[in-house]
Structures are given as C-alpha cells and as structure tokens.
Amino acid sequence: MNKFNLEDRLIDFAVLAVEIVNEMPNTRAGNHLAGQLVRSGTSPALNYGEAQSGESRRDFIHKIKIVLKELRETLNCLKIIHRSKLYQSEPRICAALKENNELVSIFVKSVETAQRNLQNEKKKPKS
C-alpha cells in the first residue's frame, strides 16, 4: 500500500470521526464520548504524520505503535457509541467501525514488518 494512500485513509477516518461527533446528542454521555472520539479518532492521522519523520527505525516503530493504540481506543469508543445508540447515522457509524477494523489490521502488520526489519538489520554484519 502506498504511504500516501494510507495517510489519506487516516485523514478520511479522522473526518468521519468528526462527522459522527458533530451529530452526537448534547447529553452527559454524548459529550463525554464525543470528546473521547474526537481525540482518539483524529490522533492516528496526526501520529502517522510524525512517524513518517521518525528519527530512527525504533522511533518509527514507537510512533506506529501509538497509532495502533489510538486506533484500538477509537474502536472501543465507536462500539460504545454504537451500542448506546448515541449516533444519528447508522451507515456512518458502521462505515467507521469497518474502516477502524481495517486500519487496525494494517497497522498490526506494519508494526510486525517494521520490527522484523529492525531485527534483520541488527543481524547484518557491519561493513
């Protein structure tokens, strides 16, 4: 997958999270979960941008793990919003859940690949 496509997906996902938040009810639970979703749902795009400028492979892996952590947090938040019916658009919340799951899968593989590459780099004899 092209890194720019992934970056665009994360930005589109952040926009989707913002759209869901903007439709949530102005209740104690709605406001609490809306605040949580806007933070965790936009964080992956922002942290992925930072990961692209990682100072080392270890720094890159660390930042990608933060992206993954935020995606998992967002997934749980979306599930709570969905089960509590604190949304207006069923198709929008379902699309967010689906995309969130796909992004988690992509970043799990990304972390595994980066860690494997780091291990292989360590095994190479220095010239």
C-alpha atoms as a PDB file:
ATOM      1  CA  MET A   1       0.000   0.000   0.000  1.00  0.00           C
ATOM      2  CA  ASN A   2       1.246   3.432  -0.931  1.00  0.00           C
ATOM      3  CA  LYS A   3       2.078   5.524   2.151  1.00  0.00           C
ATOM      4  CA  PHE A   4       0.100   8.459   0.758  1.00  0.00           C
ATOM      5  CA  ASN A   5      -2.990   6.281   0.350  1.00  0.00           C
ATOM      6  CA  LEU A   6      -2.671   5.212   3.982  1.00  0.00           C
ATOM      7  CA  GLU A   7      -2.193   8.807   5.068  1.00  0.00           C
ATOM      8  CA  ASP A   8      -5.319   9.797   3.117  1.00  0.00           C
ATOM      9  CA  ARG A   9      -7.269   6.929   4.687  1.00  0.00           C
ATOM     10  CA  LEU A  10      -6.272   8.081   8.153  1.00  0.00           C
ATOM     11  CA  ILE A  11      -7.268  11.664   7.345  1.00  0.00           C
ATOM     12  CA  ASP A  12     -10.593  10.494   5.895  1.00  0.00           C
ATOM     13  CA  PHE A  13     -11.132   8.384   9.016  1.00  0.00           C
ATOM     14  CA  ALA A  14     -10.447  11.421  11.219  1.00  0.00           C
ATOM     15  CA  VAL A  15     -13.006  13.415   9.218  1.00  0.00           C
ATOM     16  CA  LEU A  16     -15.522  10.592   9.633  1.00  0.00           C
ATOM     17  CA  ALA A  17     -14.946  10.626  13.399  1.00  0.00           C
ATOM     18  CA  VAL A  18     -15.504  14.396  13.460  1.00  0.00           C
ATOM     19  CA  GLU A  19     -18.728  13.993  11.466  1.00  0.00           C
ATOM     20  CA  ILE A  20     -20.008  11.390  13.949  1.00  0.00           C
ATOM     21  CA  VAL A  21     -19.071  13.655  16.874  1.00  0.00           C
ATOM     22  CA  ASN A  22     -20.898  16.615  15.334  1.00  0.00           C
ATOM     23  CA  GLU A  23     -24.114  14.550  15.194  1.00  0.00           C
ATOM     24  CA  MET A  24     -23.966  13.188  18.739  1.00  0.00           C
ATOM     25  CA  PRO A  25     -26.515  14.294  21.343  1.00  0.00           C
ATOM     26  CA  ASN A  26     -25.721  17.074  23.784  1.00  0.00           C
ATOM     27  CA  THR A  27     -26.022  14.843  26.852  1.00  0.00           C
ATOM     28  CA  ARG A  28     -23.529  13.966  29.575  1.00  0.00           C
ATOM     29  CA  ALA A  29     -22.699  10.619  27.922  1.00  0.00           C
ATOM     30  CA  GLY A  30     -22.828  12.081  24.425  1.00  0.00           C
ATOM     31  CA  ASN A  31     -20.430  14.893  25.303  1.00  0.00           C
ATOM     32  CA  HIS A  32     -18.038  12.604  27.146  1.00  0.00           C
ATOM     33  CA  LEU A  33     -17.836  10.066  24.317  1.00  0.00           C
ATOM     34  CA  ALA A  34     -17.766  12.791  21.666  1.00  0.00           C
ATOM     35  CA  GLY A  35     -14.728  14.337  23.327  1.00  0.00           C
ATOM     36  CA  GLN A  36     -13.040  10.967  23.565  1.00  0.00           C
ATOM     37  CA  LEU A  37     -13.808  10.109  19.933  1.00  0.00           C
ATOM     38  CA  VAL A  38     -12.594  13.413  18.565  1.00  0.00           C
ATOM     39  CA  ARG A  39      -9.270  12.961  20.400  1.00  0.00           C
ATOM     40  CA  SER A  40      -8.626   9.293  19.684  1.00  0.00           C
ATOM     41  CA  GLY A  41     -10.203   9.349  16.207  1.00  0.00           C
ATOM     42  CA  THR A  42      -8.039  12.189  14.913  1.00  0.00           C
ATOM     43  CA  SER A  43      -4.857  11.114  16.689  1.00  0.00           C
ATOM     44  CA  PRO A  44      -3.878   8.282  14.281  1.00  0.00           C
ATOM     45  CA  ALA A  45      -3.606  10.649  11.297  1.00  0.00           C
ATOM     46  CA  LEU A  46      -1.542  13.121  13.282  1.00  0.00           C
ATOM     47  CA  ASN A  47       0.761  10.499  14.784  1.00  0.00           C
ATOM     48  CA  TYR A  48       1.221   8.793  11.422  1.00  0.00           C
ATOM     49  CA  GLY A  49       2.500  12.103  10.090  1.00  0.00           C
ATOM     50  CA  GLU A  50       5.021  12.167  12.929  1.00  0.00           C
ATOM     51  CA  ALA A  51       6.028   8.558  12.281  1.00  0.00           C
ATOM     52  CA  GLN A  52       6.959   9.470   8.714  1.00  0.00           C
ATOM     53  CA  SER A  53       9.652  11.725  10.185  1.00  0.00           C
ATOM     54  CA  GLY A  54      10.908   9.150  12.664  1.00  0.00           C
ATOM     55  CA  GLU A  55      14.486   9.742  13.726  1.00  0.00           C
ATOM     56  CA  SER A  56      15.291   6.028  13.610  1.00  0.00           C
ATOM     57  CA  ARG A  57      13.609   2.723  12.889  1.00  0.00           C
ATOM     58  CA  ARG A  58      12.937   2.344  16.629  1.00  0.00           C
ATOM     59  CA  ASP A  59      11.340   5.801  16.738  1.00  0.00           C
ATOM     60  CA  PHE A  60       9.207   4.908  13.706  1.00  0.00           C
ATOM     61  CA  ILE A  61       8.065   1.670  15.377  1.00  0.00           C
ATOM     62  CA  HIS A  62       7.250   3.520  18.598  1.00  0.00           C
ATOM     63  CA  LYS A  63       5.129   6.090  16.756  1.00  0.00           C
ATOM     64  CA  ILE A  64       3.350   3.450  14.675  1.00  0.00           C
ATOM     65  CA  LYS A  65       2.515   1.627  17.916  1.00  0.00           C
ATOM     66  CA  ILE A  66       0.958   4.855  19.195  1.00  0.00           C
ATOM     67  CA  VAL A  67      -1.156   4.998  16.015  1.00  0.00           C
ATOM     68  CA  LEU A  68      -2.269   1.413  16.667  1.00  0.00           C
ATOM     69  CA  LYS A  69      -3.034   2.154  20.327  1.00  0.00           C
ATOM     70  CA  GLU A  70      -5.180   5.146  19.357  1.00  0.00           C
ATOM     71  CA  LEU A  71      -6.999   3.119  16.694  1.00  0.00           C
ATOM     72  CA  ARG A  72      -7.856   0.436  19.252  1.00  0.00           C
ATOM     73  CA  GLU A  73      -9.077   3.077  21.690  1.00  0.00           C
ATOM     74  CA  THR A  74     -11.197   4.611  18.925  1.00  0.00           C
ATOM     75  CA  LEU A  75     -12.649   1.218  18.055  1.00  0.00           C
ATOM     76  CA  ASN A  76     -13.823   0.698  21.629  1.00  0.00           C
ATOM     77  CA  CYS A  77     -15.265   4.204  21.744  1.00  0.00           C
ATOM     78  CA  LEU A  78     -17.151   3.627  18.475  1.00  0.00           C
ATOM     79  CA  LYS A  79     -18.529   0.344  19.824  1.00  0.00           C
ATOM     80  CA  ILE A  80     -19.822   2.088  22.945  1.00  0.00           C
ATOM     81  CA  ILE A  81     -21.400   4.851  20.853  1.00  0.00           C
ATOM     82  CA  HIS A  82     -22.966   2.256  18.556  1.00  0.00           C
ATOM     83  CA  ARG A  83     -24.337   0.032  21.333  1.00  0.00           C
ATOM     84  CA  SER A  84     -25.625   3.061  23.234  1.00  0.00           C
ATOM     85  CA  LYS A  85     -27.246   4.407  20.079  1.00  0.00           C
ATOM     86  CA  LEU A  86     -25.583   7.813  20.564  1.00  0.00           C
ATOM     87  CA  TYR A  87     -25.401   8.443  16.818  1.00  0.00           C
ATOM     88  CA  GLN A  88     -27.715   9.691  14.086  1.00  0.00           C
ATOM     89  CA  SER A  89     -26.464   7.829  11.024  1.00  0.00           C
ATOM     90  CA  GLU A  90     -26.294   4.024  11.167  1.00  0.00           C
ATOM     91  CA  PRO A  91     -24.411   3.823   7.831  1.00  0.00           C
ATOM     92  CA  ARG A  92     -21.832   6.362   9.059  1.00  0.00           C
ATOM     93  CA  ILE A  93     -21.146   4.571  12.354  1.00  0.00           C
ATOM     94  CA  CYS A  94     -20.962   1.191  10.568  1.00  0.00           C
ATOM     95  CA  ALA A  95     -18.553   2.618   7.981  1.00  0.00           C
ATOM     96  CA  ALA A  96     -16.380   3.976  10.797  1.00  0.00           C
ATOM     97  CA  LEU A  97     -16.340   0.612  12.584  1.00  0.00           C
ATOM     98  CA  LYS A  98     -15.404  -1.192   9.363  1.00  0.00           C
ATOM     99  CA  GLU A  99     -12.653   1.258   8.442  1.00  0.00           C
ATOM    100  CA  ASN A 100     -11.332   1.243  12.013  1.00  0.00           C
ATOM    101  CA  ASN A 101     -11.040  -2.564  11.929  1.00  0.00           C
ATOM    102  CA  GLU A 102      -9.219  -2.432   8.596  1.00  0.00           C
ATOM    103  CA  LEU A 103      -6.803   0.230   9.833  1.00  0.00           C
ATOM    104  CA  VAL A 104      -6.045  -1.793  12.977  1.00  0.00           C
ATOM    105  CA  SER A 105      -5.207  -4.800  10.778  1.00  0.00           C
ATOM    106  CA  ILE A 106      -2.958  -2.700   8.545  1.00  0.00           C
ATOM    107  CA  PHE A 107      -1.054  -1.238  11.485  1.00  0.00           C
ATOM    108  CA  VAL A 108      -0.670  -4.589  13.256  1.00  0.00           C
ATOM    109  CA  LYS A 109       1.076  -5.849  10.102  1.00  0.00           C
ATOM    110  CA  SER A 110       3.060  -2.632   9.792  1.00  0.00           C
ATOM    111  CA  VAL A 111       4.423  -2.994  13.334  1.00  0.00           C
ATOM    112  CA  GLU A 112       5.271  -6.667  12.715  1.00  0.00           C
ATOM    113  CA  THR A 113       7.083  -5.830   9.477  1.00  0.00           C
ATOM    114  CA  ALA A 114       8.994  -2.906  10.968  1.00  0.00           C
ATOM    115  CA  GLN A 115      10.062  -4.989  13.973  1.00  0.00           C
ATOM    116  CA  ARG A 116      11.169  -7.836  11.698  1.00  0.00           C
ATOM    117  CA  ASN A 117      13.157  -5.375   9.569  1.00  0.00           C
ATOM    118  CA  LEU A 118      14.795  -3.971  12.694  1.00  0.00           C
ATOM    119  CA  GLN A 119      15.782  -7.480  13.817  1.00  0.00           C
ATOM    120  CA  ASN A 120      17.176  -8.269  10.353  1.00  0.00           C
ATOM    121  CA  GLU A 121      19.111  -5.012  10.408  1.00  0.00           C
ATOM    122  CA  LYS A 122      20.691  -5.993  13.729  1.00  0.00           C
ATOM    123  CA  LYS A 123      21.747  -9.388  12.324  1.00  0.00           C
ATOM    124  CA  LYS A 124      23.560  -7.919   9.318  1.00  0.00           C
ATOM    125  CA  PRO A 125      27.314  -7.772   9.671  1.00  0.00           C
ATOM    126  CA  LYS A 126      28.607  -4.210   9.696  1.00  0.00           C
ATOM    127  CA  SER A 127      30.896  -3.376   6.810  1.00  0.00           C
END
